[in-house]
Amino acid sequence: MSVKGETREKVRINIHEPKLYKVIMHNDDFTSMEFVVEILIDIFHKEEAEAERLMLLVDDVGRAAVGSYPYDIAVTKVQAATARARQEGFPFRMTVEEV
């Protein structure tokens, strides 16, 4: 039922998926392979076989993408991994790059 003089407004809602960002793990000569696998399992929720594969890729190539996430999640995971590395005395380094 319309009322005389009533103005109807169409509202258009555009929902966009958030941009994704790759978390890149970098190789160094000091961080243990065991620690890297532990980080991949605990923080990035990788299965052990996948964590070992990624660790070997980082060791061989020098860097590897370990996951893609919305920006806030990517940064939070990098901060958690870096904080744990510092507690263990490792110079472990990760970066975030836009996909």
PDB file of N, CA and C in Angstrom:
ATOM      1  N   MET A   1       0.839  -1.170   0.000  1.00  0.00           N
ATOM      2  CA  MET A   1       0.000   0.000   0.000  1.00  0.00           C
ATOM      3  C   MET A   1       0.888   1.238   0.000  1.00  0.00           C
ATOM      4  N   SER A   2       0.697   2.120  -0.977  1.00  0.00           N
ATOM      5  CA  SER A   2       1.477   3.346  -1.072  1.00  0.00           C
ATOM      6  C   SER A   2       0.690   4.517  -0.526  1.00  0.00           C
ATOM      7  N   VAL A   3       1.419   5.402   0.088  1.00  0.00           N
ATOM      8  CA  VAL A   3       0.834   6.631   0.587  1.00  0.00           C
ATOM      9  C   VAL A   3       1.163   7.708  -0.438  1.00  0.00           C
ATOM     10  N   LYS A   4       0.180   8.577  -0.707  1.00  0.00           N
ATOM     11  CA  LYS A   4       0.376   9.625  -1.701  1.00  0.00           C
ATOM     12  C   LYS A   4       1.556  10.509  -1.281  1.00  0.00           C
ATOM     13  N   GLY A   5       2.454  10.743  -2.208  1.00  0.00           N
ATOM     14  CA  GLY A   5       3.604  11.600  -1.956  1.00  0.00           C
ATOM     15  C   GLY A   5       4.778  10.868  -1.300  1.00  0.00           C
ATOM     16  N   GLU A   6       4.620   9.567  -1.083  1.00  0.00           N
ATOM     17  CA  GLU A   6       5.682   8.791  -0.429  1.00  0.00           C
ATOM     18  C   GLU A   6       6.857   8.624  -1.390  1.00  0.00           C
ATOM     19  N   THR A   7       8.042   8.777  -0.861  1.00  0.00           N
ATOM     20  CA  THR A   7       9.249   8.584  -1.656  1.00  0.00           C
ATOM     21  C   THR A   7       9.864   7.244  -1.292  1.00  0.00           C
ATOM     22  N   ARG A   8      10.084   6.459  -2.302  1.00  0.00           N
ATOM     23  CA  ARG A   8      10.733   5.171  -2.066  1.00  0.00           C
ATOM     24  C   ARG A   8      12.189   5.293  -2.491  1.00  0.00           C
ATOM     25  N   GLU A   9      13.027   4.713  -1.680  1.00  0.00           N
ATOM     26  CA  GLU A   9      14.455   4.788  -1.956  1.00  0.00           C
ATOM     27  C   GLU A   9      14.990   3.373  -2.109  1.00  0.00           C
ATOM     28  N   LYS A  10      15.695   3.154  -3.192  1.00  0.00           N
ATOM     29  CA  LYS A  10      16.327   1.857  -3.380  1.00  0.00           C
ATOM     30  C   LYS A  10      17.711   1.917  -2.761  1.00  0.00           C
ATOM     31  N   VAL A  11      18.007   0.930  -1.978  1.00  0.00           N
ATOM     32  CA  VAL A  11      19.322   0.845  -1.352  1.00  0.00           C
ATOM     33  C   VAL A  11      20.066  -0.310  -2.004  1.00  0.00           C
ATOM     34  N   ARG A  12      21.231  -0.007  -2.497  1.00  0.00           N
ATOM     35  CA  ARG A  12      22.048  -1.030  -3.132  1.00  0.00           C
ATOM     36  C   ARG A  12      23.228  -1.327  -2.220  1.00  0.00           C
ATOM     37  N   ILE A  13      23.353  -2.557  -1.849  1.00  0.00           N
ATOM     38  CA  ILE A  13      24.441  -2.953  -0.960  1.00  0.00           C
ATOM     39  C   ILE A  13      25.421  -3.792  -1.762  1.00  0.00           C
ATOM     40  N   ASN A  14      26.629  -3.322  -1.814  1.00  0.00           N
ATOM     41  CA  ASN A  14      27.691  -4.061  -2.497  1.00  0.00           C
ATOM     42  C   ASN A  14      28.600  -4.666  -1.444  1.00  0.00           C
ATOM     43  N   ILE A  15      28.650  -5.964  -1.424  1.00  0.00           N
ATOM     44  CA  ILE A  15      29.521  -6.646  -0.482  1.00  0.00           C
ATOM     45  C   ILE A  15      30.699  -7.199  -1.270  1.00  0.00           C
ATOM     46  N   HIS A  16      31.879  -6.843  -0.833  1.00  0.00           N
ATOM     47  CA  HIS A  16      33.097  -7.278  -1.500  1.00  0.00           C
ATOM     48  C   HIS A  16      33.886  -8.180  -0.564  1.00  0.00           C
ATOM     49  N   GLU A  17      34.501  -9.183  -1.142  1.00  0.00           N
ATOM     50  CA  GLU A  17      35.421 -10.014  -0.373  1.00  0.00           C
ATOM     51  C   GLU A  17      36.628  -9.127  -0.030  1.00  0.00           C
ATOM     52  N   PRO A  18      37.197  -9.303   1.160  1.00  0.00           N
ATOM     53  CA  PRO A  18      38.373  -8.494   1.496  1.00  0.00           C
ATOM     54  C   PRO A  18      39.563  -8.895   0.627  1.00  0.00           C
ATOM     55  N   LYS A  19      40.455  -7.940   0.386  1.00  0.00           N
ATOM     56  CA  LYS A  19      41.675  -8.244  -0.351  1.00  0.00           C
ATOM     57  C   LYS A  19      42.474  -9.254   0.449  1.00  0.00           C
ATOM     58  N   LEU A  20      43.197 -10.095  -0.265  1.00  0.00           N
ATOM     59  CA  LEU A  20      44.027 -11.080   0.405  1.00  0.00           C
ATOM     60  C   LEU A  20      45.494 -10.669   0.350  1.00  0.00           C
ATOM     61  N   TYR A  21      46.206 -11.083   1.358  1.00  0.00           N
ATOM     62  CA  TYR A  21      47.628 -10.792   1.476  1.00  0.00           C
ATOM     63  C   TYR A  21      48.372 -12.089   1.744  1.00  0.00           C
ATOM     64  N   LYS A  22      49.484 -12.281   1.019  1.00  0.00           N
ATOM     65  CA  LYS A  22      50.301 -13.476   1.200  1.00  0.00           C
ATOM     66  C   LYS A  22      51.238 -13.253   2.384  1.00  0.00           C
ATOM     67  N   VAL A  23      51.381 -14.286   3.189  1.00  0.00           N
ATOM     68  CA  VAL A  23      52.397 -14.277   4.236  1.00  0.00           C
ATOM     69  C   VAL A  23      53.605 -15.004   3.653  1.00  0.00           C
ATOM     70  N   ILE A  24      54.725 -14.296   3.613  1.00  0.00           N
ATOM     71  CA  ILE A  24      55.957 -14.830   3.036  1.00  0.00           C
ATOM     72  C   ILE A  24      56.939 -15.135   4.170  1.00  0.00           C
ATOM     73  N   MET A  25      57.452 -16.346   4.167  1.00  0.00           N
ATOM     74  CA  MET A  25      58.450 -16.764   5.142  1.00  0.00           C
ATOM     75  C   MET A  25      59.811 -16.698   4.451  1.00  0.00           C
ATOM     76  N   HIS A  26      60.788 -16.096   5.138  1.00  0.00           N
ATOM     77  CA  HIS A  26      62.128 -15.925   4.570  1.00  0.00           C
ATOM     78  C   HIS A  26      63.133 -16.840   5.267  1.00  0.00           C
ATOM     79  N   ASN A  27      64.095 -17.312   4.500  1.00  0.00           N
ATOM     80  CA  ASN A  27      65.122 -18.196   5.040  1.00  0.00           C
ATOM     81  C   ASN A  27      66.194 -17.394   5.778  1.00  0.00           C
ATOM     82  N   ASP A  28      66.753 -18.008   6.799  1.00  0.00           N
ATOM     83  CA  ASP A  28      67.943 -17.468   7.452  1.00  0.00           C
ATOM     84  C   ASP A  28      68.783 -18.667   7.888  1.00  0.00           C
ATOM     85  N   ASP A  29      70.010 -18.413   8.281  1.00  0.00           N
ATOM     86  CA  ASP A  29      70.921 -19.505   8.626  1.00  0.00           C
ATOM     87  C   ASP A  29      70.871 -19.892  10.100  1.00  0.00           C
ATOM     88  N   PHE A  30      69.988 -19.285  10.871  1.00  0.00           N
ATOM     89  CA  PHE A  30      69.999 -19.507  12.313  1.00  0.00           C
ATOM     90  C   PHE A  30      68.737 -20.156  12.866  1.00  0.00           C
ATOM     91  N   THR A  31      67.579 -19.867  12.288  1.00  0.00           N
ATOM     92  CA  THR A  31      66.323 -20.428  12.788  1.00  0.00           C
ATOM     93  C   THR A  31      66.273 -21.918  12.463  1.00  0.00           C
ATOM     94  N   SER A  32      65.981 -22.724  13.473  1.00  0.00           N
ATOM     95  CA  SER A  32      65.989 -24.177  13.260  1.00  0.00           C
ATOM     96  C   SER A  32      64.809 -24.615  12.399  1.00  0.00           C
ATOM     97  N   MET A  33      65.023 -25.686  11.672  1.00  0.00           N
ATOM     98  CA  MET A  33      63.977 -26.245  10.826  1.00  0.00           C
ATOM     99  C   MET A  33      62.803 -26.722  11.684  1.00  0.00           C
ATOM    100  N   GLU A  34      63.103 -27.264  12.848  1.00  0.00           N
ATOM    101  CA  GLU A  34      62.059 -27.733  13.760  1.00  0.00           C
ATOM    102  C   GLU A  34      61.157 -26.585  14.200  1.00  0.00           C
ATOM    103  N   PHE A  35      61.786 -25.432  14.489  1.00  0.00           N
ATOM    104  CA  PHE A  35      61.009 -24.264  14.914  1.00  0.00           C
ATOM    105  C   PHE A  35      60.086 -23.801  13.789  1.00  0.00           C
ATOM    106  N   VAL A  36      60.584 -23.772  12.562  1.00  0.00           N
ATOM    107  CA  VAL A  36      59.784 -23.337  11.419  1.00  0.00           C
ATOM    108  C   VAL A  36      58.578 -24.261  11.244  1.00  0.00           C
ATOM    109  N   VAL A  37      58.797 -25.565  11.333  1.00  0.00           N
ATOM    110  CA  VAL A  37      57.693 -26.531  11.215  1.00  0.00           C
ATOM    111  C   VAL A  37      56.682 -26.296  12.334  1.00  0.00           C
ATOM    112  N   GLU A  38      57.168 -26.070  13.551  1.00  0.00           N
ATOM    113  CA  GLU A  38      56.292 -25.808  14.697  1.00  0.00           C
ATOM    114  C   GLU A  38      55.418 -24.575  14.462  1.00  0.00           C
ATOM    115  N   ILE A  39      56.000 -23.508  13.936  1.00  0.00           N
ATOM    116  CA  ILE A  39      55.254 -22.273  13.637  1.00  0.00           C
ATOM    117  C   ILE A  39      54.178 -22.553  12.578  1.00  0.00           C
ATOM    118  N   LEU A  40      54.552 -23.285  11.547  1.00  0.00           N
ATOM    119  CA  LEU A  40      53.600 -23.585  10.471  1.00  0.00           C
ATOM    120  C   LEU A  40      52.427 -24.424  10.975  1.00  0.00           C
ATOM    121  N   ILE A  41      52.682 -25.314  11.892  1.00  0.00           N
ATOM    122  CA  ILE A  41      51.610 -26.146  12.442  1.00  0.00           C
ATOM    123  C   ILE A  41      50.769 -25.351  13.437  1.00  0.00           C
ATOM    124  N   ASP A  42      51.421 -24.676  14.382  1.00  0.00           N
ATOM    125  CA  ASP A  42      50.708 -23.995  15.469  1.00  0.00           C
ATOM    126  C   ASP A  42      49.977 -22.727  15.037  1.00  0.00           C
ATOM    127  N   ILE A  43      50.627 -21.901  14.245  1.00  0.00           N
ATOM    128  CA  ILE A  43      50.057 -20.587  13.906  1.00  0.00           C
ATOM    129  C   ILE A  43      49.327 -20.608  12.569  1.00  0.00           C
ATOM    130  N   PHE A  44      49.866 -21.356  11.606  1.00  0.00           N
ATOM    131  CA  PHE A  44      49.267 -21.367  10.267  1.00  0.00           C
ATOM    132  C   PHE A  44      48.401 -22.598  10.015  1.00  0.00           C
ATOM    133  N   HIS A  45      48.278 -23.454  11.024  1.00  0.00           N
ATOM    134  CA  HIS A  45      47.391 -24.631  10.991  1.00  0.00           C
ATOM    135  C   HIS A  45      47.647 -25.547   9.795  1.00  0.00           C
ATOM    136  N   LYS A  46      48.920 -25.763   9.497  1.00  0.00           N
ATOM    137  CA  LYS A  46      49.309 -26.686   8.426  1.00  0.00           C
ATOM    138  C   LYS A  46      49.435 -28.092   9.003  1.00  0.00           C
ATOM    139  N   GLU A  47      49.157 -29.081   8.173  1.00  0.00           N
ATOM    140  CA  GLU A  47      49.427 -30.469   8.542  1.00  0.00           C
ATOM    141  C   GLU A  47      50.946 -30.652   8.573  1.00  0.00           C
ATOM    142  N   GLU A  48      51.417 -31.628   9.321  1.00  0.00           N
ATOM    143  CA  GLU A  48      52.863 -31.805   9.472  1.00  0.00           C
ATOM    144  C   GLU A  48      53.580 -31.981   8.133  1.00  0.00           C
ATOM    145  N   ALA A  49      53.036 -32.807   7.238  1.00  0.00           N
ATOM    146  CA  ALA A  49      53.676 -33.031   5.934  1.00  0.00           C
ATOM    147  C   ALA A  49      53.769 -31.733   5.127  1.00  0.00           C
ATOM    148  N   GLU A  50      52.702 -30.929   5.139  1.00  0.00           N
ATOM    149  CA  GLU A  50      52.701 -29.644   4.416  1.00  0.00           C
ATOM    150  C   GLU A  50      53.682 -28.671   5.064  1.00  0.00           C
ATOM    151  N   ALA A  51      53.744 -28.670   6.383  1.00  0.00           N
ATOM    152  CA  ALA A  51      54.677 -27.786   7.101  1.00  0.00           C
ATOM    153  C   ALA A  51      56.117 -28.141   6.736  1.00  0.00           C
ATOM    154  N   GLU A  52      56.425 -29.417   6.693  1.00  0.00           N
ATOM    155  CA  GLU A  52      57.774 -29.843   6.329  1.00  0.00           C
ATOM    156  C   GLU A  52      58.100 -29.486   4.884  1.00  0.00           C
ATOM    157  N   ARG A  53      57.116 -29.659   3.991  1.00  0.00           N
ATOM    158  CA  ARG A  53      57.322 -29.299   2.578  1.00  0.00           C
ATOM    159  C   ARG A  53      57.627 -27.809   2.432  1.00  0.00           C
ATOM    160  N   LEU A  54      56.843 -26.975   3.128  1.00  0.00           N
ATOM    161  CA  LEU A  54      57.059 -25.525   3.063  1.00  0.00           C
ATOM    162  C   LEU A  54      58.406 -25.133   3.664  1.00  0.00           C
ATOM    163  N   MET A  55      58.769 -25.748   4.778  1.00  0.00           N
ATOM    164  CA  MET A  55      60.053 -25.453   5.414  1.00  0.00           C
ATOM    165  C   MET A  55      61.202 -25.770   4.459  1.00  0.00           C
ATOM    166  N   LEU A  56      61.126 -26.926   3.780  1.00  0.00           N
ATOM    167  CA  LEU A  56      62.170 -27.300   2.827  1.00  0.00           C
ATOM    168  C   LEU A  56      62.197 -26.356   1.625  1.00  0.00           C
ATOM    169  N   LEU A  57      61.028 -25.901   1.194  1.00  0.00           N
ATOM    170  CA  LEU A  57      60.952 -24.943   0.087  1.00  0.00           C
ATOM    171  C   LEU A  57      61.626 -23.625   0.479  1.00  0.00           C
ATOM    172  N   VAL A  58      61.339 -23.147   1.676  1.00  0.00           N
ATOM    173  CA  VAL A  58      61.975 -21.914   2.163  1.00  0.00           C
ATOM    174  C   VAL A  58      63.487 -22.106   2.232  1.00  0.00           C
ATOM    175  N   ASP A  59      63.919 -23.256   2.733  1.00  0.00           N
ATOM    176  CA  ASP A  59      65.349 -23.543   2.853  1.00  0.00           C
ATOM    177  C   ASP A  59      66.015 -23.596   1.485  1.00  0.00           C
ATOM    178  N   ASP A  60      65.326 -24.165   0.494  1.00  0.00           N
ATOM    179  CA  ASP A  60      65.886 -24.336  -0.846  1.00  0.00           C
ATOM    180  C   ASP A  60      65.842 -23.054  -1.675  1.00  0.00           C
ATOM    181  N   VAL A  61      64.685 -22.384  -1.686  1.00  0.00           N
ATOM    182  CA  VAL A  61      64.475 -21.223  -2.565  1.00  0.00           C
ATOM    183  C   VAL A  61      64.816 -19.898  -1.873  1.00  0.00           C
ATOM    184  N   GLY A  62      64.702 -19.865  -0.555  1.00  0.00           N
ATOM    185  CA  GLY A  62      64.998 -18.634   0.172  1.00  0.00           C
ATOM    186  C   GLY A  62      63.769 -17.945   0.726  1.00  0.00           C
ATOM    187  N   ARG A  63      62.604 -18.281   0.174  1.00  0.00           N
ATOM    188  CA  ARG A  63      61.343 -17.715   0.648  1.00  0.00           C
ATOM    189  C   ARG A  63      60.187 -18.520   0.071  1.00  0.00           C
ATOM    190  N   ALA A  64      59.046 -18.438   0.750  1.00  0.00           N
ATOM    191  CA  ALA A  64      57.860 -19.129   0.236  1.00  0.00           C
ATOM    192  C   ALA A  64      56.618 -18.513   0.865  1.00  0.00           C
ATOM    193  N   ALA A  65      55.538 -18.494   0.083  1.00  0.00           N
ATOM    194  CA  ALA A  65      54.246 -18.054   0.605  1.00  0.00           C
ATOM    195  C   ALA A  65      53.671 -19.205   1.413  1.00  0.00           C
ATOM    196  N   VAL A  66      53.273 -18.917   2.656  1.00  0.00           N
ATOM    197  CA  VAL A  66      52.750 -19.973   3.528  1.00  0.00           C
ATOM    198  C   VAL A  66      51.243 -19.860   3.725  1.00  0.00           C
ATOM    199  N   GLY A  67      50.620 -18.828   3.139  1.00  0.00           N
ATOM    200  CA  GLY A  67      49.178 -18.685   3.219  1.00  0.00           C
ATOM    201  C   GLY A  67      48.733 -17.329   2.735  1.00  0.00           C
ATOM    202  N   SER A  68      47.439 -17.205   2.416  1.00  0.00           N
ATOM    203  CA  SER A  68      46.834 -15.931   2.006  1.00  0.00           C
ATOM    204  C   SER A  68      45.652 -15.651   2.923  1.00  0.00           C
ATOM    205  N   TYR A  69      45.611 -14.435   3.453  1.00  0.00           N
ATOM    206  CA  TYR A  69      44.620 -14.060   4.457  1.00  0.00           C
ATOM    207  C   TYR A  69      44.215 -12.604   4.266  1.00  0.00           C
ATOM    208  N   PRO A  70      43.071 -12.196   4.822  1.00  0.00           N
ATOM    209  CA  PRO A  70      42.774 -10.768   4.889  1.00  0.00           C
ATOM    210  C   PRO A  70      43.902 -10.087   5.687  1.00  0.00           C
ATOM    211  N   TYR A  71      44.118  -8.809   5.434  1.00  0.00           N
ATOM    212  CA  TYR A  71      45.267  -8.088   5.987  1.00  0.00           C
ATOM    213  C   TYR A  71      45.423  -8.247   7.496  1.00  0.00           C
ATOM    214  N   ASP A  72      44.371  -8.008   8.258  1.00  0.00           N
ATOM    215  CA  ASP A  72      44.479  -8.060   9.722  1.00  0.00           C
ATOM    216  C   ASP A  72      44.899  -9.443  10.212  1.00  0.00           C
ATOM    217  N   ILE A  73      44.376 -10.472   9.590  1.00  0.00           N
ATOM    218  CA  ILE A  73      44.728 -11.829   9.994  1.00  0.00           C
ATOM    219  C   ILE A  73      46.180 -12.134   9.623  1.00  0.00           C
ATOM    220  N   ALA A  74      46.591 -11.726   8.426  1.00  0.00           N
ATOM    221  CA  ALA A  74      47.974 -11.950   7.989  1.00  0.00           C
ATOM    222  C   ALA A  74      48.958 -11.275   8.945  1.00  0.00           C
ATOM    223  N   VAL A  75      48.692 -10.027   9.283  1.00  0.00           N
ATOM    224  CA  VAL A  75      49.590  -9.280  10.176  1.00  0.00           C
ATOM    225  C   VAL A  75      49.610  -9.905  11.569  1.00  0.00           C
ATOM    226  N   THR A  76      48.460 -10.323  12.053  1.00  0.00           N
ATOM    227  CA  THR A  76      48.393 -10.948  13.377  1.00  0.00           C
ATOM    228  C   THR A  76      49.203 -12.240  13.413  1.00  0.00           C
ATOM    229  N   LYS A  77      49.111 -13.052  12.367  1.00  0.00           N
ATOM    230  CA  LYS A  77      49.877 -14.299  12.315  1.00  0.00           C
ATOM    231  C   LYS A  77      51.375 -14.019  12.256  1.00  0.00           C
ATOM    232  N   VAL A  78      51.779 -13.032  11.473  1.00  0.00           N
ATOM    233  CA  VAL A  78      53.195 -12.672  11.380  1.00  0.00           C
ATOM    234  C   VAL A  78      53.694 -12.173  12.742  1.00  0.00           C
ATOM    235  N   GLN A  79      52.919 -11.337  13.409  1.00  0.00           N
ATOM    236  CA  GLN A  79      53.326 -10.825  14.720  1.00  0.00           C
ATOM    237  C   GLN A  79      53.461 -11.951  15.737  1.00  0.00           C
ATOM    238  N   ALA A  80      52.524 -12.903  15.722  1.00  0.00           N
ATOM    239  CA  ALA A  80      52.585 -14.031  16.654  1.00  0.00           C
ATOM    240  C   ALA A  80      53.821 -14.890  16.395  1.00  0.00           C
ATOM    241  N   ALA A  81      54.101 -15.165  15.120  1.00  0.00           N
ATOM    242  CA  ALA A  81      55.264 -15.984  14.768  1.00  0.00           C
ATOM    243  C   ALA A  81      56.563 -15.272  15.125  1.00  0.00           C
ATOM    244  N   THR A  82      56.629 -13.981  14.840  1.00  0.00           N
ATOM    245  CA  THR A  82      57.832 -13.199  15.134  1.00  0.00           C
ATOM    246  C   THR A  82      58.070 -13.103  16.641  1.00  0.00           C
ATOM    247  N   ALA A  83      57.012 -12.890  17.409  1.00  0.00           N
ATOM    248  CA  ALA A  83      57.141 -12.804  18.868  1.00  0.00           C
ATOM    249  C   ALA A  83      57.669 -14.125  19.434  1.00  0.00           C
ATOM    250  N   ARG A  84      57.132 -15.242  18.941  1.00  0.00           N
ATOM    251  CA  ARG A  84      57.600 -16.542  19.433  1.00  0.00           C
ATOM    252  C   ARG A  84      59.064 -16.764  19.047  1.00  0.00           C
ATOM    253  N   ALA A  85      59.429 -16.347  17.837  1.00  0.00           N
ATOM    254  CA  ALA A  85      60.821 -16.490  17.391  1.00  0.00           C
ATOM    255  C   ALA A  85      61.762 -15.688  18.281  1.00  0.00           C
ATOM    256  N   ARG A  86      61.373 -14.477  18.627  1.00  0.00           N
ATOM    257  CA  ARG A  86      62.224 -13.630  19.483  1.00  0.00           C
ATOM    258  C   ARG A  86      62.378 -14.255  20.873  1.00  0.00           C
ATOM    259  N   GLN A  87      61.306 -14.854  21.381  1.00  0.00           N
ATOM    260  CA  GLN A  87      61.377 -15.534  22.677  1.00  0.00           C
ATOM    261  C   GLN A  87      62.378 -16.688  22.638  1.00  0.00           C
ATOM    262  N   GLU A  88      62.462 -17.335  21.489  1.00  0.00           N
ATOM    263  CA  GLU A  88      63.369 -18.476  21.323  1.00  0.00           C
ATOM    264  C   GLU A  88      64.766 -18.040  20.879  1.00  0.00           C
ATOM    265  N   GLY A  89      64.927 -16.729  20.587  1.00  0.00           N
ATOM    266  CA  GLY A  89      66.230 -16.210  20.173  1.00  0.00           C
ATOM    267  C   GLY A  89      66.543 -16.384  18.697  1.00  0.00           C
ATOM    268  N   PHE A  90      65.520 -16.557  17.870  1.00  0.00           N
ATOM    269  CA  PHE A  90      65.723 -16.727  16.432  1.00  0.00           C
ATOM    270  C   PHE A  90      65.464 -15.412  15.686  1.00  0.00           C
ATOM    271  N   PRO A  91      66.237 -15.142  14.610  1.00  0.00           N
ATOM    272  CA  PRO A  91      66.024 -13.933  13.800  1.00  0.00           C
ATOM    273  C   PRO A  91      64.983 -14.154  12.698  1.00  0.00           C
ATOM    274  N   PHE A  92      64.114 -15.108  12.881  1.00  0.00           N
ATOM    275  CA  PHE A  92      63.067 -15.504  11.932  1.00  0.00           C
ATOM    276  C   PHE A  92      62.359 -14.278  11.362  1.00  0.00           C
ATOM    277  N   ARG A  93      62.122 -14.278  10.028  1.00  0.00           N
ATOM    278  CA  ARG A  93      61.489 -13.124   9.390  1.00  0.00           C
ATOM    279  C   ARG A  93      60.382 -13.550   8.455  1.00  0.00           C
ATOM    280  N   MET A  94      59.277 -12.828   8.551  1.00  0.00           N
ATOM    281  CA  MET A  94      58.130 -13.027   7.668  1.00  0.00           C
ATOM    282  C   MET A  94      57.672 -11.651   7.205  1.00  0.00           C
ATOM    283  N   THR A  95      57.100 -11.605   6.014  1.00  0.00           N
ATOM    284  CA  THR A  95      56.539 -10.356   5.503  1.00  0.00           C
ATOM    285  C   THR A  95      55.147 -10.611   4.944  1.00  0.00           C
ATOM    286  N   VAL A  96      54.418  -9.530   4.689  1.00  0.00           N
ATOM    287  CA  VAL A  96      53.066  -9.599   4.135  1.00  0.00           C
ATOM    288  C   VAL A  96      53.073  -8.850   2.808  1.00  0.00           C
ATOM    289  N   GLU A  97      52.555  -9.488   1.754  1.00  0.00           N
ATOM    290  CA  GLU A  97      52.492  -8.867   0.424  1.00  0.00           C
ATOM    291  C   GLU A  97      51.069  -8.990  -0.118  1.00  0.00           C
ATOM    292  N   GLU A  98      50.609  -7.948  -0.766  1.00  0.00           N
ATOM    293  CA  GLU A  98      49.278  -8.006  -1.379  1.00  0.00           C
ATOM    294  C   GLU A  98      49.265  -9.027  -2.506  1.00  0.00           C
ATOM    295  N   VAL A  99      48.187  -9.801  -2.585  1.00  0.00           N
ATOM    296  CA  VAL A  99      48.046 -10.822  -3.631  1.00  0.00           C
ATOM    297  C   VAL A  99      47.769 -10.156  -4.955  1.00  0.00           C
TER     298      VAL A  99
END
